[in-house]
PDB file of N, CA and C in Angstrom:
ATOM      1  N   GLN A   1     115.992 107.495  58.219  1.00  0.00           N
ATOM      2  CA  GLN A   1     115.859 106.526  59.405  1.00  0.00           C
ATOM      3  C   GLN A   1     114.529 106.483  59.736  1.00  0.00           C
ATOM      4  N   VAL A   2     113.734 105.000  59.461  1.00  0.00           N
ATOM      5  CA  VAL A   2     112.396 104.836  59.581  1.00  0.00           C
ATOM      6  C   VAL A   2     112.394 104.100  60.944  1.00  0.00           C
ATOM      7  N   GLN A   3     111.541 104.616  61.538  1.00  0.00           N
ATOM      8  CA  GLN A   3     110.865 103.890  63.032  1.00  0.00           C
ATOM      9  C   GLN A   3     109.701 103.435  62.936  1.00  0.00           C
ATOM     10  N   LEU A   4     109.509 102.106  63.291  1.00  0.00           N
ATOM     11  CA  LEU A   4     108.477 101.386  63.419  1.00  0.00           C
ATOM     12  C   LEU A   4     107.816 101.040  64.514  1.00  0.00           C
ATOM     13  N   VAL A   5     106.616 101.084  64.823  1.00  0.00           N
ATOM     14  CA  VAL A   5     106.100 100.815  66.260  1.00  0.00           C
ATOM     15  C   VAL A   5     104.941  99.835  65.969  1.00  0.00           C
ATOM     16  N   GLU A   6     104.899  98.612  66.549  1.00  0.00           N
ATOM     17  CA  GLU A   6     103.855  97.790  66.656  1.00  0.00           C
ATOM     18  C   GLU A   6     102.721  97.817  67.590  1.00  0.00           C
ATOM     19  N   SER A   7     101.615  97.580  67.288  1.00  0.00           N
ATOM     20  CA  SER A   7     100.597  97.712  68.453  1.00  0.00           C
ATOM     21  C   SER A   7      99.454  96.425  67.846  1.00  0.00           C
ATOM     22  N   GLY A   8      98.718  96.339  68.890  1.00  0.00           N
ATOM     23  CA  GLY A   8      97.477  95.253  68.679  1.00  0.00           C
ATOM     24  C   GLY A   8      97.693  93.767  69.309  1.00  0.00           C
ATOM     25  N   GLY A   9      98.913  93.489  69.936  1.00  0.00           N
ATOM     26  CA  GLY A   9      98.938  92.067  70.195  1.00  0.00           C
ATOM     27  C   GLY A   9      98.279  91.910  71.446  1.00  0.00           C
ATOM     28  N   GLY A  10      98.152  90.747  71.999  1.00  0.00           N
ATOM     29  CA  GLY A  10      97.472  90.389  73.302  1.00  0.00           C
ATOM     30  C   GLY A  10      97.080  88.837  73.345  1.00  0.00           C
ATOM     31  N   LEU A  11      96.394  88.348  74.039  1.00  0.00           N
ATOM     32  CA  LEU A  11      95.847  87.254  74.322  1.00  0.00           C
ATOM     33  C   LEU A  11      94.652  86.990  73.974  1.00  0.00           C
ATOM     34  N   VAL A  12      94.260  85.952  72.983  1.00  0.00           N
ATOM     35  CA  VAL A  12      93.187  85.386  72.411  1.00  0.00           C
ATOM     36  C   VAL A  12      92.882  83.954  72.359  1.00  0.00           C
ATOM     37  N   GLN A  13      91.776  83.508  72.338  1.00  0.00           N
ATOM     38  CA  GLN A  13      91.444  82.233  72.456  1.00  0.00           C
ATOM     39  C   GLN A  13      91.367  81.669  71.074  1.00  0.00           C
ATOM     40  N   ALA A  14      91.935  80.425  70.725  1.00  0.00           N
ATOM     41  CA  ALA A  14      91.779  79.732  69.450  1.00  0.00           C
ATOM     42  C   ALA A  14      90.643  80.044  68.685  1.00  0.00           C
ATOM     43  N   GLY A  15      90.529  80.487  67.697  1.00  0.00           N
ATOM     44  CA  GLY A  15      89.445  80.735  66.799  1.00  0.00           C
ATOM     45  C   GLY A  15      89.148  82.275  66.772  1.00  0.00           C
ATOM     46  N   GLY A  16      89.944  82.988  67.569  1.00  0.00           N
ATOM     47  CA  GLY A  16      89.592  84.207  67.726  1.00  0.00           C
ATOM     48  C   GLY A  16      90.300  85.192  66.615  1.00  0.00           C
ATOM     49  N   SER A  17      90.404  86.387  66.829  1.00  0.00           N
ATOM     50  CA  SER A  17      90.708  87.502  65.706  1.00  0.00           C
ATOM     51  C   SER A  17      91.679  88.697  66.573  1.00  0.00           C
ATOM     52  N   LEU A  18      92.744  89.001  65.953  1.00  0.00           N
ATOM     53  CA  LEU A  18      93.480  90.152  66.315  1.00  0.00           C
ATOM     54  C   LEU A  18      93.723  91.060  65.136  1.00  0.00           C
ATOM     55  N   ARG A  19      93.932  92.322  65.320  1.00  0.00           N
ATOM     56  CA  ARG A  19      94.448  93.168  64.074  1.00  0.00           C
ATOM     57  C   ARG A  19      95.576  93.866  64.782  1.00  0.00           C
ATOM     58  N   LEU A  20      96.826  93.600  63.989  1.00  0.00           N
ATOM     59  CA  LEU A  20      97.822  94.242  64.454  1.00  0.00           C
ATOM     60  C   LEU A  20      98.325  95.458  63.594  1.00  0.00           C
ATOM     61  N   SER A  21      98.603  96.476  64.033  1.00  0.00           N
ATOM     62  CA  SER A  21      99.168  97.666  63.444  1.00  0.00           C
ATOM     63  C   SER A  21     100.526  97.980  63.592  1.00  0.00           C
ATOM     64  N   CYS A  22     101.158  98.791  62.641  1.00  0.00           N
ATOM     65  CA  CYS A  22     102.492  99.198  62.540  1.00  0.00           C
ATOM     66  C   CYS A  22     102.582 100.688  61.899  1.00  0.00           C
ATOM     67  N   ALA A  23     102.803 101.450  62.811  1.00  0.00           N
ATOM     68  CA  ALA A  23     102.911 102.799  62.565  1.00  0.00           C
ATOM     69  C   ALA A  23     104.341 103.241  62.198  1.00  0.00           C
ATOM     70  N   ALA A  24     104.509 103.844  60.995  1.00  0.00           N
ATOM     71  CA  ALA A  24     106.015 104.369  60.756  1.00  0.00           C
ATOM     72  C   ALA A  24     106.020 105.822  60.648  1.00  0.00           C
ATOM     73  N   SER A  25     107.384 106.052  61.029  1.00  0.00           N
ATOM     74  CA  SER A  25     107.493 107.298  61.148  1.00  0.00           C
ATOM     75  C   SER A  25     109.283 107.616  60.742  1.00  0.00           C
ATOM     76  N   GLY A  26     109.601 108.967  60.013  1.00  0.00           N
ATOM     77  CA  GLY A  26     110.746 109.078  59.845  1.00  0.00           C
ATOM     78  C   GLY A  26     111.338 109.041  58.720  1.00  0.00           C
ATOM     79  N   GLY A  27     110.489 108.475  57.627  1.00  0.00           N
ATOM     80  CA  GLY A  27     110.763 108.178  56.318  1.00  0.00           C
ATOM     81  C   GLY A  27     109.709 108.452  55.450  1.00  0.00           C
ATOM     82  N   THR A  28     109.928 108.049  54.058  1.00  0.00           N
ATOM     83  CA  THR A  28     108.608 108.247  53.076  1.00  0.00           C
ATOM     84  C   THR A  28     107.988 106.767  53.150  1.00  0.00           C
ATOM     85  N   PHE A  29     106.863 106.673  53.630  1.00  0.00           N
ATOM     86  CA  PHE A  29     106.536 105.281  53.950  1.00  0.00           C
ATOM     87  C   PHE A  29     106.116 104.618  52.599  1.00  0.00           C
ATOM     88  N   SER A  30     105.599 105.450  51.617  1.00  0.00           N
ATOM     89  CA  SER A  30     105.483 104.772  50.385  1.00  0.00           C
ATOM     90  C   SER A  30     106.538 104.303  49.545  1.00  0.00           C
ATOM     91  N   ASN A  31     107.702 104.649  50.088  1.00  0.00           N
ATOM     92  CA  ASN A  31     108.819 104.135  49.186  1.00  0.00           C
ATOM     93  C   ASN A  31     109.358 102.694  49.863  1.00  0.00           C
ATOM     94  N   TYR A  32     108.700 101.959  50.824  1.00  0.00           N
ATOM     95  CA  TYR A  32     108.961 100.753  51.154  1.00  0.00           C
ATOM     96  C   TYR A  32     108.325  99.734  50.834  1.00  0.00           C
ATOM     97  N   ALA A  33     108.306  98.602  50.458  1.00  0.00           N
ATOM     98  CA  ALA A  33     107.590  97.369  50.626  1.00  0.00           C
ATOM     99  C   ALA A  33     107.635  96.983  52.008  1.00  0.00           C
ATOM    100  N   MET A  34     106.634  96.711  52.679  1.00  0.00           N
ATOM    101  CA  MET A  34     106.196  96.447  54.045  1.00  0.00           C
ATOM    102  C   MET A  34     105.954  94.794  54.231  1.00  0.00           C
ATOM    103  N   GLY A  35     106.533  94.525  55.473  1.00  0.00           N
ATOM    104  CA  GLY A  35     106.064  92.839  55.863  1.00  0.00           C
ATOM    105  C   GLY A  35     105.836  92.692  57.125  1.00  0.00           C
ATOM    106  N   TRP A  36     105.434  91.561  57.629  1.00  0.00           N
ATOM    107  CA  TRP A  36     105.197  91.237  58.954  1.00  0.00           C
ATOM    108  C   TRP A  36     105.921  89.804  59.073  1.00  0.00           C
ATOM    109  N   PHE A  37     106.644  89.799  60.152  1.00  0.00           N
ATOM    110  CA  PHE A  37     107.381  88.263  60.422  1.00  0.00           C
ATOM    111  C   PHE A  37     106.943  88.031  61.795  1.00  0.00           C
ATOM    112  N   ARG A  38     107.350  86.720  62.144  1.00  0.00           N
ATOM    113  CA  ARG A  38     107.237  86.333  63.596  1.00  0.00           C
ATOM    114  C   ARG A  38     108.086  85.198  64.110  1.00  0.00           C
ATOM    115  N   GLN A  39     108.313  85.434  65.561  1.00  0.00           N
ATOM    116  CA  GLN A  39     109.214  84.335  65.805  1.00  0.00           C
ATOM    117  C   GLN A  39     108.420  83.693  67.073  1.00  0.00           C
ATOM    118  N   GLY A  40     108.190  82.530  66.972  1.00  0.00           N
ATOM    119  CA  GLY A  40     107.610  81.783  68.212  1.00  0.00           C
ATOM    120  C   GLY A  40     108.594  81.157  69.291  1.00  0.00           C
ATOM    121  N   PRO A  41     107.898  80.824  70.376  1.00  0.00           N
ATOM    122  CA  PRO A  41     109.153  80.238  71.299  1.00  0.00           C
ATOM    123  C   PRO A  41     109.757  79.149  70.901  1.00  0.00           C
ATOM    124  N   GLY A  42     111.041  79.215  70.893  1.00  0.00           N
ATOM    125  CA  GLY A  42     112.050  78.251  70.482  1.00  0.00           C
ATOM    126  C   GLY A  42     112.168  78.166  68.841  1.00  0.00           C
ATOM    127  N   LYS A  43     111.715  79.002  68.189  1.00  0.00           N
ATOM    128  CA  LYS A  43     111.651  78.875  66.831  1.00  0.00           C
ATOM    129  C   LYS A  43     112.429  79.957  65.964  1.00  0.00           C
ATOM    130  N   GLU A  44     112.743  79.697  64.906  1.00  0.00           N
ATOM    131  CA  GLU A  44     113.394  80.891  64.089  1.00  0.00           C
ATOM    132  C   GLU A  44     112.243  81.846  63.732  1.00  0.00           C
ATOM    133  N   ARG A  45     112.707  83.023  63.480  1.00  0.00           N
ATOM    134  CA  ARG A  45     112.011  84.132  62.934  1.00  0.00           C
ATOM    135  C   ARG A  45     111.705  83.684  61.467  1.00  0.00           C
ATOM    136  N   GLU A  46     110.222  83.898  61.368  1.00  0.00           N
ATOM    137  CA  GLU A  46     109.715  83.530  59.807  1.00  0.00           C
ATOM    138  C   GLU A  46     108.800  84.430  59.316  1.00  0.00           C
ATOM    139  N   PHE A  47     108.714  84.643  57.890  1.00  0.00           N
ATOM    140  CA  PHE A  47     108.342  85.456  57.147  1.00  0.00           C
ATOM    141  C   PHE A  47     106.444  85.031  57.352  1.00  0.00           C
ATOM    142  N   VAL A  48     105.722  86.168  57.079  1.00  0.00           N
ATOM    143  CA  VAL A  48     104.431  86.070  57.370  1.00  0.00           C
ATOM    144  C   VAL A  48     103.509  86.723  56.048  1.00  0.00           C
ATOM    145  N   ALA A  49     103.957  87.752  56.007  1.00  0.00           N
ATOM    146  CA  ALA A  49     103.010  88.475  54.732  1.00  0.00           C
ATOM    147  C   ALA A  49     103.849  89.519  54.383  1.00  0.00           C
ATOM    148  N   ALA A  50     103.740  90.074  53.131  1.00  0.00           N
ATOM    149  CA  ALA A  50     104.234  91.309  52.502  1.00  0.00           C
ATOM    150  C   ALA A  50     103.423  92.093  51.619  1.00  0.00           C
ATOM    151  N   VAL A  51     103.589  93.408  51.632  1.00  0.00           N
ATOM    152  CA  VAL A  51     102.671  94.127  50.718  1.00  0.00           C
ATOM    153  C   VAL A  51     103.621  95.123  49.986  1.00  0.00           C
ATOM    154  N   SER A  52     103.313  95.443  48.763  1.00  0.00           N
ATOM    155  CA  SER A  52     104.156  96.222  47.965  1.00  0.00           C
ATOM    156  C   SER A  52     103.990  97.463  48.110  1.00  0.00           C
ATOM    157  N   ARG A  53     104.774  98.632  47.648  1.00  0.00           N
ATOM    158  CA  ARG A  53     104.530 100.024  47.983  1.00  0.00           C
ATOM    159  C   ARG A  53     103.234 100.555  47.686  1.00  0.00           C
ATOM    160  N   SER A  54     102.644 100.212  46.743  1.00  0.00           N
ATOM    161  CA  SER A  54     101.286 100.752  46.500  1.00  0.00           C
ATOM    162  C   SER A  54     100.262  99.920  47.187  1.00  0.00           C
ATOM    163  N   GLY A  55     100.509  98.745  47.731  1.00  0.00           N
ATOM    164  CA  GLY A  55      99.435  97.812  48.330  1.00  0.00           C
ATOM    165  C   GLY A  55      98.840  96.910  47.084  1.00  0.00           C
ATOM    166  N   GLY A  56      99.359  97.207  45.733  1.00  0.00           N
ATOM    167  CA  GLY A  56      98.762  96.382  44.707  1.00  0.00           C
ATOM    168  C   GLY A  56      99.092  94.825  44.521  1.00  0.00           C
ATOM    169  N   SER A  57     100.259  94.484  45.438  1.00  0.00           N
ATOM    170  CA  SER A  57     100.861  93.127  45.143  1.00  0.00           C
ATOM    171  C   SER A  57     101.019  92.684  46.598  1.00  0.00           C
ATOM    172  N   ILE A  58     100.757  91.482  47.042  1.00  0.00           N
ATOM    173  CA  ILE A  58     100.676  90.933  48.265  1.00  0.00           C
ATOM    174  C   ILE A  58     101.132  89.267  48.248  1.00  0.00           C
ATOM    175  N   ASN A  59     101.849  89.056  49.350  1.00  0.00           N
ATOM    176  CA  ASN A  59     102.409  87.695  49.406  1.00  0.00           C
ATOM    177  C   ASN A  59     102.406  87.178  50.591  1.00  0.00           C
ATOM    178  N   TYR A  60     101.991  85.989  50.903  1.00  0.00           N
ATOM    179  CA  TYR A  60     101.686  85.294  52.057  1.00  0.00           C
ATOM    180  C   TYR A  60     102.396  84.140  52.248  1.00  0.00           C
ATOM    181  N   ALA A  61     102.813  83.690  53.671  1.00  0.00           N
ATOM    182  CA  ALA A  61     103.314  82.583  53.960  1.00  0.00           C
ATOM    183  C   ALA A  61     102.229  81.403  53.669  1.00  0.00           C
ATOM    184  N   ASN A  62     102.602  80.322  53.299  1.00  0.00           N
ATOM    185  CA  ASN A  62     101.477  79.230  53.168  1.00  0.00           C
ATOM    186  C   ASN A  62     100.772  78.906  54.483  1.00  0.00           C
ATOM    187  N   SER A  63     101.413  79.035  55.616  1.00  0.00           N
ATOM    188  CA  SER A  63     100.759  78.647  56.921  1.00  0.00           C
ATOM    189  C   SER A  63      99.686  79.466  57.383  1.00  0.00           C
ATOM    190  N   ILE A  64      99.490  80.618  56.890  1.00  0.00           N
ATOM    191  CA  ILE A  64      98.673  81.746  57.217  1.00  0.00           C
ATOM    192  C   ILE A  64      97.407  82.042  56.060  1.00  0.00           C
ATOM    193  N   LYS A  65      97.888  81.674  54.688  1.00  0.00           N
ATOM    194  CA  LYS A  65      96.997  81.931  53.688  1.00  0.00           C
ATOM    195  C   LYS A  65      95.764  81.530  54.075  1.00  0.00           C
ATOM    196  N   GLY A  66      94.865  82.480  53.744  1.00  0.00           N
ATOM    197  CA  GLY A  66      93.378  82.435  53.881  1.00  0.00           C
ATOM    198  C   GLY A  66      92.770  82.669  55.454  1.00  0.00           C
ATOM    199  N   ARG A  67      93.584  83.021  56.326  1.00  0.00           N
ATOM    200  CA  ARG A  67      93.369  83.456  57.783  1.00  0.00           C
ATOM    201  C   ARG A  67      94.000  84.884  57.949  1.00  0.00           C
ATOM    202  N   PHE A  68      95.132  85.429  57.544  1.00  0.00           N
ATOM    203  CA  PHE A  68      95.687  86.483  57.793  1.00  0.00           C
ATOM    204  C   PHE A  68      95.312  87.505  56.537  1.00  0.00           C
ATOM    205  N   THR A  69      95.435  88.881  56.755  1.00  0.00           N
ATOM    206  CA  THR A  69      95.189  89.752  55.564  1.00  0.00           C
ATOM    207  C   THR A  69      96.095  90.758  56.034  1.00  0.00           C
ATOM    208  N   ILE A  70      97.072  91.156  54.973  1.00  0.00           N
ATOM    209  CA  ILE A  70      97.947  92.325  55.096  1.00  0.00           C
ATOM    210  C   ILE A  70      97.252  93.526  54.180  1.00  0.00           C
ATOM    211  N   SER A  71      97.482  94.388  55.075  1.00  0.00           N
ATOM    212  CA  SER A  71      97.084  95.848  54.130  1.00  0.00           C
ATOM    213  C   SER A  71      97.975  97.045  54.538  1.00  0.00           C
ATOM    214  N   ARG A  72      97.668  98.311  53.755  1.00  0.00           N
ATOM    215  CA  ARG A  72      98.589  99.408  54.260  1.00  0.00           C
ATOM    216  C   ARG A  72      97.761 100.405  53.966  1.00  0.00           C
ATOM    217  N   ASP A  73      97.926 101.645  54.684  1.00  0.00           N
ATOM    218  CA  ASP A  73      97.267 102.930  54.184  1.00  0.00           C
ATOM    219  C   ASP A  73      98.362 103.994  54.256  1.00  0.00           C
ATOM    220  N   ASN A  74      98.713 104.432  53.103  1.00  0.00           N
ATOM    221  CA  ASN A  74      99.786 105.163  52.841  1.00  0.00           C
ATOM    222  C   ASN A  74      99.735 106.564  53.344  1.00  0.00           C
ATOM    223  N   ALA A  75      98.418 107.095  53.548  1.00  0.00           N
ATOM    224  CA  ALA A  75      98.190 108.337  54.001  1.00  0.00           C
ATOM    225  C   ALA A  75      98.276 108.226  55.426  1.00  0.00           C
ATOM    226  N   LYS A  76      98.222 107.042  56.091  1.00  0.00           N
ATOM    227  CA  LYS A  76      98.449 107.063  57.658  1.00  0.00           C
ATOM    228  C   LYS A  76      99.701 106.492  58.003  1.00  0.00           C
ATOM    229  N   ASN A  77     100.574 106.167  57.186  1.00  0.00           N
ATOM    230  CA  ASN A  77     101.892 105.661  57.135  1.00  0.00           C
ATOM    231  C   ASN A  77     101.790 104.202  58.124  1.00  0.00           C
ATOM    232  N   THR A  78     100.778 103.541  57.886  1.00  0.00           N
ATOM    233  CA  THR A  78     100.640 102.347  58.641  1.00  0.00           C
ATOM    234  C   THR A  78     100.179 101.105  57.909  1.00  0.00           C
ATOM    235  N   VAL A  79     100.948  99.942  58.371  1.00  0.00           N
ATOM    236  CA  VAL A  79     100.426  98.754  57.750  1.00  0.00           C
ATOM    237  C   VAL A  79      99.729  97.913  58.776  1.00  0.00           C
ATOM    238  N   TYR A  80      98.791  96.880  58.435  1.00  0.00           N
ATOM    239  CA  TYR A  80      98.079  96.030  59.348  1.00  0.00           C
ATOM    240  C   TYR A  80      98.207  94.621  58.851  1.00  0.00           C
ATOM    241  N   LEU A  81      97.999  93.992  60.027  1.00  0.00           N
ATOM    242  CA  LEU A  81      97.737  92.540  59.962  1.00  0.00           C
ATOM    243  C   LEU A  81      96.574  91.908  60.507  1.00  0.00           C
ATOM    244  N   GLN A  82      95.669  91.718  59.919  1.00  0.00           N
ATOM    245  CA  GLN A  82      94.156  91.052  60.422  1.00  0.00           C
ATOM    246  C   GLN A  82      94.436  89.590  60.358  1.00  0.00           C
ATOM    247  N   MET A  83      94.386  89.048  61.622  1.00  0.00           N
ATOM    248  CA  MET A  83      94.408  87.534  61.799  1.00  0.00           C
ATOM    249  C   MET A  83      93.123  87.127  62.392  1.00  0.00           C
ATOM    250  N   ASN A  84      92.653  86.246  61.515  1.00  0.00           N
ATOM    251  CA  ASN A  84      91.375  85.550  61.952  1.00  0.00           C
ATOM    252  C   ASN A  84      91.832  84.020  62.106  1.00  0.00           C
ATOM    253  N   SER A  85      90.989  83.280  62.740  1.00  0.00           N
ATOM    254  CA  SER A  85      90.996  81.761  63.006  1.00  0.00           C
ATOM    255  C   SER A  85      92.201  81.502  63.539  1.00  0.00           C
ATOM    256  N   LEU A  86      92.628  82.050  64.631  1.00  0.00           N
ATOM    257  CA  LEU A  86      93.923  81.983  65.340  1.00  0.00           C
ATOM    258  C   LEU A  86      94.025  80.584  65.884  1.00  0.00           C
ATOM    259  N   LYS A  87      95.240  80.105  65.720  1.00  0.00           N
ATOM    260  CA  LYS A  87      95.458  78.966  66.411  1.00  0.00           C
ATOM    261  C   LYS A  87      96.890  78.913  67.621  1.00  0.00           C
ATOM    262  N   PRO A  88      96.878  78.042  68.408  1.00  0.00           N
ATOM    263  CA  PRO A  88      97.817  78.112  69.295  1.00  0.00           C
ATOM    264  C   PRO A  88      99.372  78.200  68.750  1.00  0.00           C
ATOM    265  N   ASP A  89      99.340  77.565  67.306  1.00  0.00           N
ATOM    266  CA  ASP A  89     101.048  77.741  66.671  1.00  0.00           C
ATOM    267  C   ASP A  89     101.084  79.098  66.350  1.00  0.00           C
ATOM    268  N   ASP A  90      99.992  79.895  66.219  1.00  0.00           N
ATOM    269  CA  ASP A  90     100.245  81.364  65.752  1.00  0.00           C
ATOM    270  C   ASP A  90     100.935  82.295  66.871  1.00  0.00           C
ATOM    271  N   THR A  91     100.996  81.536  68.078  1.00  0.00           N
ATOM    272  CA  THR A  91     101.577  82.268  69.258  1.00  0.00           C
ATOM    273  C   THR A  91     102.788  82.618  68.899  1.00  0.00           C
ATOM    274  N   ALA A  92     103.292  83.921  68.985  1.00  0.00           N
ATOM    275  CA  ALA A  92     104.560  84.329  68.639  1.00  0.00           C
ATOM    276  C   ALA A  92     104.799  85.916  68.738  1.00  0.00           C
ATOM    277  N   VAL A  93     106.027  86.365  68.728  1.00  0.00           N
ATOM    278  CA  VAL A  93     106.287  87.832  68.629  1.00  0.00           C
ATOM    279  C   VAL A  93     106.112  88.046  67.182  1.00  0.00           C
ATOM    280  N   TYR A  94     105.400  89.208  67.143  1.00  0.00           N
ATOM    281  CA  TYR A  94     105.184  89.641  65.755  1.00  0.00           C
ATOM    282  C   TYR A  94     105.837  91.005  65.417  1.00  0.00           C
ATOM    283  N   TYR A  95     106.588  90.821  64.224  1.00  0.00           N
ATOM    284  CA  TYR A  95     107.401  91.974  63.995  1.00  0.00           C
ATOM    285  C   TYR A  95     107.227  92.558  62.595  1.00  0.00           C
ATOM    286  N   CYS A  96     107.108  93.899  62.491  1.00  0.00           N
ATOM    287  CA  CYS A  96     106.888  94.767  61.469  1.00  0.00           C
ATOM    288  C   CYS A  96     108.289  95.145  60.683  1.00  0.00           C
ATOM    289  N   ALA A  97     108.316  95.123  59.436  1.00  0.00           N
ATOM    290  CA  ALA A  97     109.407  95.631  58.853  1.00  0.00           C
ATOM    291  C   ALA A  97     109.199  96.388  57.598  1.00  0.00           C
ATOM    292  N   ALA A  98     110.112  97.046  57.312  1.00  0.00           N
ATOM    293  CA  ALA A  98     110.055  98.031  56.052  1.00  0.00           C
ATOM    294  C   ALA A  98     111.548  97.452  55.164  1.00  0.00           C
ATOM    295  N   GLY A  99     111.123  97.127  54.142  1.00  0.00           N
ATOM    296  CA  GLY A  99     112.296  96.475  53.332  1.00  0.00           C
ATOM    297  C   GLY A  99     112.536  97.472  52.019  1.00  0.00           C
ATOM    298  N   GLY A 100     113.195  97.049  51.152  1.00  0.00           N
ATOM    299  CA  GLY A 100     113.577  97.829  49.904  1.00  0.00           C
ATOM    300  C   GLY A 100     112.460  98.297  49.283  1.00  0.00           C
ATOM    301  N   SER A 101     112.442  98.648  47.842  1.00  0.00           N
ATOM    302  CA  SER A 101     111.431  99.083  46.957  1.00  0.00           C
ATOM    303  C   SER A 101     110.587  97.834  46.443  1.00  0.00           C
ATOM    304  N   SER A 102     111.091  96.669  46.680  1.00  0.00           N
ATOM    305  CA  SER A 102     110.523  95.632  45.851  1.00  0.00           C
ATOM    306  C   SER A 102     109.746  94.493  46.915  1.00  0.00           C
ATOM    307  N   ILE A 103     108.770  94.160  46.700  1.00  0.00           N
ATOM    308  CA  ILE A 103     108.175  93.122  47.548  1.00  0.00           C
ATOM    309  C   ILE A 103     108.870  91.691  47.463  1.00  0.00           C
ATOM    310  N   ALA A 104     109.411  91.382  46.343  1.00  0.00           N
ATOM    311  CA  ALA A 104     110.218  90.027  46.101  1.00  0.00           C
ATOM    312  C   ALA A 104     111.102  90.010  47.181  1.00  0.00           C
ATOM    313  N   THR A 105     111.856  90.929  47.660  1.00  0.00           N
ATOM    314  CA  THR A 105     112.853  90.897  48.666  1.00  0.00           C
ATOM    315  C   THR A 105     112.330  90.571  49.956  1.00  0.00           C
ATOM    316  N   MET A 106     111.189  90.755  50.450  1.00  0.00           N
ATOM    317  CA  MET A 106     110.738  90.923  51.769  1.00  0.00           C
ATOM    318  C   MET A 106     110.605  89.399  52.453  1.00  0.00           C
ATOM    319  N   PRO A 107     110.430  88.444  51.639  1.00  0.00           N
ATOM    320  CA  PRO A 107     110.342  87.252  52.432  1.00  0.00           C
ATOM    321  C   PRO A 107     111.631  86.704  53.088  1.00  0.00           C
ATOM    322  N   THR A 108     112.809  87.222  52.385  1.00  0.00           N
ATOM    323  CA  THR A 108     114.206  86.863  52.851  1.00  0.00           C
ATOM    324  C   THR A 108     114.672  87.881  53.517  1.00  0.00           C
ATOM    325  N   LEU A 109     114.020  89.051  53.892  1.00  0.00           N
ATOM    326  CA  LEU A 109     114.682  90.108  54.519  1.00  0.00           C
ATOM    327  C   LEU A 109     115.408  89.760  55.774  1.00  0.00           C
ATOM    328  N   SER A 110     116.384  90.124  55.882  1.00  0.00           N
ATOM    329  CA  SER A 110     117.323  89.787  57.015  1.00  0.00           C
ATOM    330  C   SER A 110     117.300  90.782  58.266  1.00  0.00           C
ATOM    331  N   SER A 111     117.697  90.484  59.509  1.00  0.00           N
ATOM    332  CA  SER A 111     117.657  91.503  60.624  1.00  0.00           C
ATOM    333  C   SER A 111     118.533  92.622  60.382  1.00  0.00           C
ATOM    334  N   LEU A 112     119.667  92.324  59.290  1.00  0.00           N
ATOM    335  CA  LEU A 112     120.605  93.488  59.112  1.00  0.00           C
ATOM    336  C   LEU A 112     120.138  94.344  58.113  1.00  0.00           C
ATOM    337  N   ASP A 113     119.110  93.927  57.222  1.00  0.00           N
ATOM    338  CA  ASP A 113     118.432  94.862  56.260  1.00  0.00           C
ATOM    339  C   ASP A 113     117.344  95.512  56.880  1.00  0.00           C
ATOM    340  N   GLY A 114     116.891  96.780  55.863  1.00  0.00           N
ATOM    341  CA  GLY A 114     115.736  97.238  56.097  1.00  0.00           C
ATOM    342  C   GLY A 114     115.670  97.955  57.757  1.00  0.00           C
ATOM    343  N   TYR A 115     114.374  98.200  58.079  1.00  0.00           N
ATOM    344  CA  TYR A 115     114.056  98.495  59.340  1.00  0.00           C
ATOM    345  C   TYR A 115     113.001  97.450  60.002  1.00  0.00           C
ATOM    346  N   TRP A 116     113.095  97.764  61.178  1.00  0.00           N
ATOM    347  CA  TRP A 116     112.344  96.706  62.072  1.00  0.00           C
ATOM    348  C   TRP A 116     111.774  97.276  63.250  1.00  0.00           C
ATOM    349  N   GLY A 117     110.556  96.914  63.534  1.00  0.00           N
ATOM    350  CA  GLY A 117     109.859  97.328  64.802  1.00  0.00           C
ATOM    351  C   GLY A 117     110.480  96.242  66.226  1.00  0.00           C
ATOM    352  N   GLN A 118     109.941  96.761  67.149  1.00  0.00           N
ATOM    353  CA  GLN A 118     110.293  96.051  68.710  1.00  0.00           C
ATOM    354  C   GLN A 118     109.543  94.661  68.799  1.00  0.00           C
ATOM    355  N   GLY A 119     108.493  94.640  67.968  1.00  0.00           N
ATOM    356  CA  GLY A 119     107.702  93.454  68.138  1.00  0.00           C
ATOM    357  C   GLY A 119     106.454  93.602  68.990  1.00  0.00           C
ATOM    358  N   THR A 120     105.441  92.971  68.881  1.00  0.00           N
ATOM    359  CA  THR A 120     104.192  92.743  69.717  1.00  0.00           C
ATOM    360  C   THR A 120     103.981  91.239  69.882  1.00  0.00           C
ATOM    361  N   GLN A 121     103.547  91.032  71.195  1.00  0.00           N
ATOM    362  CA  GLN A 121     103.397  89.629  71.565  1.00  0.00           C
ATOM    363  C   GLN A 121     101.882  89.204  71.027  1.00  0.00           C
ATOM    364  N   VAL A 122     101.685  88.164  70.419  1.00  0.00           N
ATOM    365  CA  VAL A 122     100.564  87.383  70.145  1.00  0.00           C
ATOM    366  C   VAL A 122     100.424  85.981  70.818  1.00  0.00           C
ATOM    367  N   THR A 123      99.606  85.858  71.696  1.00  0.00           N
ATOM    368  CA  THR A 123      99.399  84.470  72.445  1.00  0.00           C
ATOM    369  C   THR A 123      97.998  83.879  72.124  1.00  0.00           C
ATOM    370  N   VAL A 124      97.966  82.681  71.535  1.00  0.00           N
ATOM    371  CA  VAL A 124      96.580  82.063  71.211  1.00  0.00           C
ATOM    372  C   VAL A 124      96.496  80.871  72.193  1.00  0.00           C
ATOM    373  N   SER A 125      95.540  80.950  72.825  1.00  0.00           N
ATOM    374  CA  SER A 125      95.422  79.847  73.984  1.00  0.00           C
ATOM    375  C   SER A 125      94.498  78.857  73.275  1.00  0.00           C
ATOM    376  N   SER A 126      94.697  77.573  73.768  1.00  0.00           N
ATOM    377  CA  SER A 126      93.690  76.548  73.285  1.00  0.00           C
ATOM    378  C   SER A 126      92.514  76.328  74.260  1.00  0.00           C
TER     379      SER A 126
END
């Protein structure tokens, strides 16, 4: 059983930056592709970014390409999401998820599959 704990959310002005962290415990971190998802107010949860087990492959949603960077540190059992040039539309609860062994499965990972954190709130003011 893998436990995931996100941190780093908060309130930031448009154009600002935040770095989210997700610390994993209870499993072999390097066995899992990792990803970030978000759910804005009144919206469905959506895929943001994913990274393969080694960190060598990365996948981003079009809406955040060029602004967000996902990375992982397998020695620290942690995955990160660096968010730059934030916009009010980025306001959401951000969730970390551990999927299967393949990064290809991450964009469509359902809440019934894999492991999920409790989420961290990101609010971007205009």
